[in-house]
Amino acid sequence: MSLFFVNLLLEVLFIFPHVKIKWIGVNMGLTISCLLFLTVVCTKNPGYLKRSDNFMAMVLAIENSQLCPDCECVRTSRSRHCAICNRCVERFDHHCPWVNNCIGIHNHNYFFGFLTTMLATLLMLFY
């Protein structure tokens, strides 16, 4: 979070005096949208699987490869157990250390939006 404020301060001090007004508005819009996407990705549930109430009964009825003994839940084909969060995530992509959250089915699109706006902001900065 502080990286965005440092970036904003450097832009205001060194870049904005040399840029036309319309590009300042575009850059500020991209920076604010990047910050909003980051906030959503950090706070949104990535799609944690719910724990079951009667895990021992499921062990007898369901194949063992579909059960997660740590989470005590039934895993789908694309779900994986995150060792950092210690939870199973539906359509698990990875655990991102930059946002300190898993990237799963519920926040994957927001993470892609965050990466896209961050790239656009950096390209505008280098332009």
N, C-alpha and C. Protein backbone atom coordinates (compact mmCIF):
# COMPACT_ATOMS: atom_id res chain seq x y z
N MET A 1 0.82 -1.18 0.00
CA MET A 1 0.00 0.00 0.00
C MET A 1 0.87 1.25 0.00
N SER A 2 1.93 1.23 0.80
CA SER A 2 2.80 2.40 0.86
C SER A 2 3.55 2.60 -0.45
N LEU A 3 3.74 1.53 -1.21
CA LEU A 3 4.40 1.65 -2.51
C LEU A 3 3.60 2.55 -3.45
N PHE A 4 2.27 2.48 -3.37
CA PHE A 4 1.43 3.33 -4.20
C PHE A 4 1.59 4.81 -3.81
N PHE A 5 1.69 5.06 -2.52
CA PHE A 5 1.83 6.45 -2.09
C PHE A 5 3.21 7.01 -2.46
N VAL A 6 4.23 6.18 -2.38
CA VAL A 6 5.57 6.60 -2.83
C VAL A 6 5.55 6.86 -4.33
N ASN A 7 4.90 5.97 -5.09
CA ASN A 7 4.76 6.16 -6.53
C ASN A 7 4.03 7.46 -6.84
N LEU A 8 2.95 7.71 -6.14
CA LEU A 8 2.17 8.93 -6.36
C LEU A 8 2.97 10.17 -6.02
N LEU A 9 3.72 10.14 -4.94
CA LEU A 9 4.54 11.28 -4.55
C LEU A 9 5.62 11.56 -5.59
N LEU A 10 6.28 10.49 -6.07
CA LEU A 10 7.31 10.67 -7.10
C LEU A 10 6.72 11.21 -8.40
N GLU A 11 5.54 10.75 -8.75
CA GLU A 11 4.88 11.25 -9.96
C GLU A 11 4.56 12.74 -9.82
N VAL A 12 4.03 13.13 -8.68
CA VAL A 12 3.65 14.53 -8.48
C VAL A 12 4.88 15.44 -8.49
N LEU A 13 5.96 14.98 -7.88
CA LEU A 13 7.15 15.83 -7.78
C LEU A 13 7.95 15.89 -9.07
N PHE A 14 8.13 14.78 -9.74
CA PHE A 14 9.09 14.74 -10.84
C PHE A 14 8.48 14.60 -12.24
N ILE A 15 7.30 13.99 -12.35
CA ILE A 15 6.76 13.70 -13.68
C ILE A 15 5.66 14.68 -14.07
N PHE A 16 4.75 14.99 -13.15
CA PHE A 16 3.61 15.83 -13.50
C PHE A 16 3.99 17.22 -14.01
N PRO A 17 5.07 17.86 -13.52
CA PRO A 17 5.41 19.18 -14.08
C PRO A 17 5.79 19.14 -15.57
N HIS A 18 6.14 17.98 -16.10
CA HIS A 18 6.59 17.87 -17.49
C HIS A 18 5.56 17.21 -18.40
N VAL A 19 4.36 16.96 -17.92
CA VAL A 19 3.35 16.23 -18.68
C VAL A 19 2.13 17.10 -18.89
N LYS A 20 1.42 16.87 -19.99
CA LYS A 20 0.18 17.60 -20.25
C LYS A 20 -0.90 17.17 -19.26
N ILE A 21 -1.86 18.05 -19.05
CA ILE A 21 -2.91 17.84 -18.05
C ILE A 21 -3.73 16.59 -18.34
N LYS A 22 -4.07 16.30 -19.60
CA LYS A 22 -4.92 15.14 -19.89
C LYS A 22 -4.23 13.84 -19.51
N TRP A 23 -2.91 13.76 -19.63
CA TRP A 23 -2.20 12.53 -19.26
C TRP A 23 -2.12 12.37 -17.75
N ILE A 24 -2.15 13.50 -17.05
CA ILE A 24 -2.16 13.41 -15.58
C ILE A 24 -3.47 12.77 -15.12
N GLY A 25 -4.58 13.15 -15.74
CA GLY A 25 -5.88 12.56 -15.40
C GLY A 25 -5.94 11.08 -15.71
N VAL A 26 -5.38 10.70 -16.85
CA VAL A 26 -5.36 9.27 -17.22
C VAL A 26 -4.50 8.49 -16.24
N ASN A 27 -3.35 9.05 -15.90
CA ASN A 27 -2.46 8.36 -14.96
C ASN A 27 -3.10 8.23 -13.58
N MET A 28 -3.76 9.28 -13.11
CA MET A 28 -4.42 9.21 -11.80
C MET A 28 -5.57 8.21 -11.83
N GLY A 29 -6.31 8.15 -12.93
CA GLY A 29 -7.39 7.16 -13.06
C GLY A 29 -6.87 5.74 -13.02
N LEU A 30 -5.76 5.50 -13.73
CA LEU A 30 -5.17 4.16 -13.71
C LEU A 30 -4.64 3.80 -12.32
N THR A 31 -4.02 4.76 -11.65
CA THR A 31 -3.48 4.50 -10.32
C THR A 31 -4.60 4.19 -9.32
N ILE A 32 -5.68 4.95 -9.39
CA ILE A 32 -6.81 4.71 -8.47
C ILE A 32 -7.48 3.38 -8.78
N SER A 33 -7.66 3.05 -10.07
CA SER A 33 -8.28 1.76 -10.40
C SER A 33 -7.38 0.59 -9.99
N CYS A 34 -6.08 0.76 -10.11
CA CYS A 34 -5.15 -0.28 -9.67
C CYS A 34 -5.26 -0.48 -8.15
N LEU A 35 -5.37 0.61 -7.42
CA LEU A 35 -5.51 0.51 -5.97
C LEU A 35 -6.84 -0.14 -5.58
N LEU A 36 -7.91 0.15 -6.32
CA LEU A 36 -9.20 -0.49 -6.04
C LEU A 36 -9.16 -1.99 -6.33
N PHE A 37 -8.56 -2.37 -7.47
CA PHE A 37 -8.43 -3.80 -7.77
C PHE A 37 -7.59 -4.51 -6.70
N LEU A 38 -6.52 -3.87 -6.24
CA LEU A 38 -5.69 -4.46 -5.20
C LEU A 38 -6.48 -4.67 -3.92
N THR A 39 -7.29 -3.70 -3.55
CA THR A 39 -8.10 -3.82 -2.34
C THR A 39 -9.10 -4.97 -2.45
N VAL A 40 -9.74 -5.11 -3.60
CA VAL A 40 -10.71 -6.19 -3.79
C VAL A 40 -10.02 -7.55 -3.75
N VAL A 41 -8.87 -7.66 -4.41
CA VAL A 41 -8.17 -8.95 -4.44
C VAL A 41 -7.70 -9.34 -3.04
N CYS A 42 -7.24 -8.37 -2.26
CA CYS A 42 -6.76 -8.67 -0.91
C CYS A 42 -7.87 -9.07 0.05
N THR A 43 -9.04 -8.51 -0.13
CA THR A 43 -10.11 -8.73 0.85
C THR A 43 -11.14 -9.77 0.44
N LYS A 44 -11.23 -10.11 -0.84
CA LYS A 44 -12.27 -11.02 -1.30
C LYS A 44 -11.88 -12.48 -1.00
N ASN A 45 -12.88 -13.26 -0.65
CA ASN A 45 -12.71 -14.69 -0.43
C ASN A 45 -12.35 -15.35 -1.76
N PRO A 46 -11.22 -16.07 -1.84
CA PRO A 46 -10.84 -16.66 -3.12
C PRO A 46 -11.65 -17.89 -3.53
N GLY A 47 -12.51 -18.36 -2.67
CA GLY A 47 -13.31 -19.54 -2.98
C GLY A 47 -12.95 -20.71 -2.09
N TYR A 48 -12.82 -20.45 -0.80
CA TYR A 48 -12.51 -21.51 0.15
C TYR A 48 -13.62 -22.54 0.17
N LEU A 49 -13.25 -23.80 0.21
CA LEU A 49 -14.24 -24.87 0.33
C LEU A 49 -14.71 -24.96 1.77
N LYS A 50 -15.99 -25.28 1.95
CA LYS A 50 -16.57 -25.36 3.29
C LYS A 50 -16.21 -26.69 3.93
N ARG A 51 -15.98 -26.63 5.21
CA ARG A 51 -15.69 -27.85 5.97
C ARG A 51 -16.99 -28.63 6.17
N SER A 52 -16.85 -29.93 6.19
CA SER A 52 -18.04 -30.77 6.37
C SER A 52 -18.26 -31.05 7.85
N ASP A 53 -19.49 -31.31 8.20
CA ASP A 53 -19.82 -31.58 9.60
C ASP A 53 -19.47 -33.00 10.00
N ASN A 54 -19.71 -33.95 9.09
CA ASN A 54 -19.51 -35.35 9.42
C ASN A 54 -18.43 -35.93 8.49
N PHE A 55 -17.18 -35.64 8.80
CA PHE A 55 -16.08 -36.05 7.94
C PHE A 55 -15.86 -37.56 7.99
N MET A 56 -16.02 -38.17 9.12
CA MET A 56 -15.76 -39.61 9.25
C MET A 56 -16.76 -40.43 8.42
N ALA A 57 -17.99 -39.97 8.29
CA ALA A 57 -18.96 -40.68 7.46
C ALA A 57 -18.60 -40.53 5.99
N MET A 58 -18.03 -39.39 5.63
CA MET A 58 -17.62 -39.19 4.24
C MET A 58 -16.41 -40.04 3.88
N VAL A 59 -15.55 -40.31 4.84
CA VAL A 59 -14.38 -41.15 4.58
C VAL A 59 -14.81 -42.55 4.13
N LEU A 60 -15.87 -43.03 4.71
CA LEU A 60 -16.36 -44.35 4.35
C LEU A 60 -17.11 -44.35 3.01
N ALA A 61 -17.75 -43.25 2.66
CA ALA A 61 -18.60 -43.21 1.48
C ALA A 61 -17.90 -42.69 0.22
N ILE A 62 -16.90 -41.83 0.37
CA ILE A 62 -16.27 -41.17 -0.78
C ILE A 62 -14.84 -41.66 -0.92
N GLU A 63 -14.36 -41.68 -2.16
CA GLU A 63 -12.98 -42.09 -2.44
C GLU A 63 -12.00 -41.15 -1.73
N ASN A 64 -10.93 -41.71 -1.20
CA ASN A 64 -9.99 -40.94 -0.38
C ASN A 64 -9.28 -39.84 -1.15
N SER A 65 -9.10 -39.98 -2.45
CA SER A 65 -8.39 -38.95 -3.21
C SER A 65 -9.20 -37.67 -3.36
N GLN A 66 -10.50 -37.74 -3.12
CA GLN A 66 -11.36 -36.56 -3.22
C GLN A 66 -11.53 -35.84 -1.89
N LEU A 67 -10.93 -36.35 -0.84
CA LEU A 67 -11.06 -35.74 0.48
C LEU A 67 -9.75 -35.08 0.89
N CYS A 68 -9.86 -33.97 1.57
CA CYS A 68 -8.69 -33.30 2.11
C CYS A 68 -8.68 -33.54 3.62
N PRO A 69 -7.68 -34.25 4.13
CA PRO A 69 -7.69 -34.55 5.56
C PRO A 69 -7.40 -33.32 6.42
N ASP A 70 -6.69 -32.34 5.88
CA ASP A 70 -6.39 -31.14 6.66
C ASP A 70 -7.62 -30.26 6.83
N CYS A 71 -8.35 -30.05 5.74
CA CYS A 71 -9.54 -29.18 5.77
C CYS A 71 -10.81 -29.93 6.15
N GLU A 72 -10.77 -31.24 6.04
CA GLU A 72 -11.94 -32.09 6.28
C GLU A 72 -13.10 -31.67 5.36
N CYS A 73 -12.81 -31.63 4.07
CA CYS A 73 -13.83 -31.26 3.08
C CYS A 73 -13.64 -32.11 1.83
N VAL A 74 -14.65 -32.07 0.97
CA VAL A 74 -14.59 -32.78 -0.31
C VAL A 74 -14.02 -31.82 -1.34
N ARG A 75 -12.94 -32.25 -2.01
CA ARG A 75 -12.30 -31.41 -3.02
C ARG A 75 -12.88 -31.71 -4.39
N THR A 76 -13.00 -30.66 -5.21
CA THR A 76 -13.37 -30.84 -6.61
C THR A 76 -12.11 -31.11 -7.41
N SER A 77 -12.26 -31.30 -8.71
CA SER A 77 -11.11 -31.69 -9.53
C SER A 77 -10.06 -30.59 -9.63
N ARG A 78 -10.45 -29.31 -9.58
CA ARG A 78 -9.49 -28.22 -9.75
C ARG A 78 -9.10 -27.55 -8.44
N SER A 79 -9.63 -28.00 -7.33
CA SER A 79 -9.29 -27.37 -6.06
C SER A 79 -7.99 -27.96 -5.51
N ARG A 80 -7.26 -27.13 -4.79
CA ARG A 80 -6.01 -27.55 -4.17
C ARG A 80 -5.95 -26.99 -2.76
N HIS A 81 -5.08 -27.59 -1.97
CA HIS A 81 -4.87 -27.14 -0.60
C HIS A 81 -3.70 -26.17 -0.58
N CYS A 82 -3.91 -24.98 -0.04
CA CYS A 82 -2.85 -23.98 0.07
C CYS A 82 -2.12 -24.21 1.39
N ALA A 83 -0.82 -24.41 1.29
CA ALA A 83 -0.03 -24.67 2.50
C ALA A 83 0.13 -23.41 3.35
N ILE A 84 0.04 -22.25 2.75
CA ILE A 84 0.22 -21.01 3.51
C ILE A 84 -1.05 -20.65 4.26
N CYS A 85 -2.20 -20.71 3.58
CA CYS A 85 -3.48 -20.39 4.21
C CYS A 85 -4.05 -21.56 5.01
N ASN A 86 -3.58 -22.75 4.71
CA ASN A 86 -4.05 -23.99 5.32
C ASN A 86 -5.55 -24.19 5.07
N ARG A 87 -5.98 -23.89 3.85
CA ARG A 87 -7.37 -24.09 3.42
C ARG A 87 -7.37 -24.60 2.00
N CYS A 88 -8.45 -25.28 1.60
CA CYS A 88 -8.62 -25.70 0.21
C CYS A 88 -9.34 -24.60 -0.55
N VAL A 89 -8.85 -24.32 -1.75
CA VAL A 89 -9.39 -23.24 -2.57
C VAL A 89 -9.90 -23.82 -3.88
N GLU A 90 -11.13 -23.45 -4.25
CA GLU A 90 -11.73 -23.88 -5.50
C GLU A 90 -11.02 -23.21 -6.67
N ARG A 91 -10.65 -23.99 -7.67
CA ARG A 91 -9.90 -23.54 -8.85
C ARG A 91 -8.68 -22.72 -8.44
N PHE A 92 -7.86 -23.33 -7.61
CA PHE A 92 -6.67 -22.70 -7.04
C PHE A 92 -5.66 -22.38 -8.13
N ASP A 93 -5.20 -21.14 -8.19
CA ASP A 93 -4.16 -20.74 -9.12
C ASP A 93 -2.82 -20.68 -8.39
N HIS A 94 -2.71 -19.80 -7.41
CA HIS A 94 -1.50 -19.71 -6.61
C HIS A 94 -1.78 -18.85 -5.38
N HIS A 95 -0.85 -18.88 -4.45
CA HIS A 95 -0.91 -17.97 -3.32
C HIS A 95 0.03 -16.82 -3.63
N CYS A 96 -0.52 -15.64 -3.77
CA CYS A 96 0.27 -14.49 -4.18
C CYS A 96 0.82 -13.77 -2.95
N PRO A 97 2.13 -13.69 -2.82
CA PRO A 97 2.69 -12.99 -1.66
C PRO A 97 2.50 -11.47 -1.75
N TRP A 98 2.28 -10.94 -2.95
CA TRP A 98 2.12 -9.49 -3.11
C TRP A 98 0.79 -9.01 -2.56
N VAL A 99 -0.24 -9.84 -2.66
CA VAL A 99 -1.55 -9.46 -2.12
C VAL A 99 -1.87 -10.23 -0.85
N ASN A 100 -1.01 -11.16 -0.47
CA ASN A 100 -1.16 -11.97 0.74
C ASN A 100 -2.51 -12.69 0.78
N ASN A 101 -2.86 -13.29 -0.35
CA ASN A 101 -4.11 -14.01 -0.45
C ASN A 101 -3.97 -15.05 -1.57
N CYS A 102 -4.78 -16.08 -1.50
CA CYS A 102 -4.82 -17.05 -2.58
C CYS A 102 -5.58 -16.46 -3.76
N ILE A 103 -5.25 -16.93 -4.94
CA ILE A 103 -5.97 -16.53 -6.14
C ILE A 103 -6.77 -17.75 -6.57
N GLY A 104 -8.09 -17.60 -6.51
CA GLY A 104 -8.99 -18.71 -6.82
C GLY A 104 -10.14 -18.27 -7.69
N ILE A 105 -11.22 -19.02 -7.63
CA ILE A 105 -12.35 -18.82 -8.54
C ILE A 105 -13.04 -17.47 -8.33
N HIS A 106 -13.09 -16.95 -7.11
CA HIS A 106 -13.85 -15.73 -6.84
C HIS A 106 -13.05 -14.45 -7.02
N ASN A 107 -11.72 -14.51 -7.04
CA ASN A 107 -10.97 -13.27 -7.21
C ASN A 107 -9.96 -13.32 -8.36
N HIS A 108 -10.07 -14.31 -9.22
CA HIS A 108 -9.13 -14.44 -10.33
C HIS A 108 -9.27 -13.29 -11.32
N ASN A 109 -10.49 -12.91 -11.66
CA ASN A 109 -10.71 -11.80 -12.60
C ASN A 109 -10.23 -10.47 -12.03
N TYR A 110 -10.44 -10.25 -10.75
CA TYR A 110 -9.97 -9.02 -10.13
C TYR A 110 -8.44 -8.98 -10.10
N PHE A 111 -7.81 -10.13 -9.90
CA PHE A 111 -6.35 -10.19 -9.93
C PHE A 111 -5.83 -9.87 -11.32
N PHE A 112 -6.50 -10.37 -12.35
CA PHE A 112 -6.11 -10.05 -13.72
C PHE A 112 -6.29 -8.55 -14.00
N GLY A 113 -7.37 -7.96 -13.49
CA GLY A 113 -7.57 -6.52 -13.62
C GLY A 113 -6.50 -5.73 -12.90
N PHE A 114 -6.09 -6.21 -11.73
CA PHE A 114 -5.00 -5.56 -10.99
C PHE A 114 -3.71 -5.59 -11.79
N LEU A 115 -3.37 -6.75 -12.35
CA LEU A 115 -2.14 -6.85 -13.14
C LEU A 115 -2.20 -5.98 -14.39
N THR A 116 -3.35 -5.93 -15.04
CA THR A 116 -3.50 -5.13 -16.25
C THR A 116 -3.37 -3.64 -15.96
N THR A 117 -4.04 -3.17 -14.92
CA THR A 117 -3.94 -1.74 -14.60
C THR A 117 -2.55 -1.38 -14.08
N MET A 118 -1.90 -2.30 -13.38
CA MET A 118 -0.53 -2.04 -12.92
C MET A 118 0.41 -1.93 -14.12
N LEU A 119 0.24 -2.82 -15.09
CA LEU A 119 1.07 -2.76 -16.29
C LEU A 119 0.82 -1.47 -17.07
N ALA A 120 -0.45 -1.07 -17.21
CA ALA A 120 -0.78 0.16 -17.91
C ALA A 120 -0.21 1.38 -17.20
N THR A 121 -0.25 1.37 -15.87
CA THR A 121 0.32 2.48 -15.11
C THR A 121 1.82 2.56 -15.29
N LEU A 122 2.49 1.40 -15.27
CA LEU A 122 3.94 1.39 -15.46
C LEU A 122 4.33 1.80 -16.88
N LEU A 123 3.58 1.36 -17.87
CA LEU A 123 3.88 1.76 -19.25
C LEU A 123 3.68 3.26 -19.43
N MET A 124 2.66 3.81 -18.81
CA MET A 124 2.44 5.25 -18.90
C MET A 124 3.55 6.00 -18.17
N LEU A 125 4.02 5.46 -17.08
CA LEU A 125 5.09 6.08 -16.32
C LEU A 125 6.38 6.13 -17.15
N PHE A 126 6.67 5.04 -17.86
CA PHE A 126 7.89 5.01 -18.67
C PHE A 126 7.76 5.81 -19.96
N TYR A 127 6.52 6.03 -20.42
CA TYR A 127 6.30 6.83 -21.62
C TYR A 127 6.67 8.28 -21.33
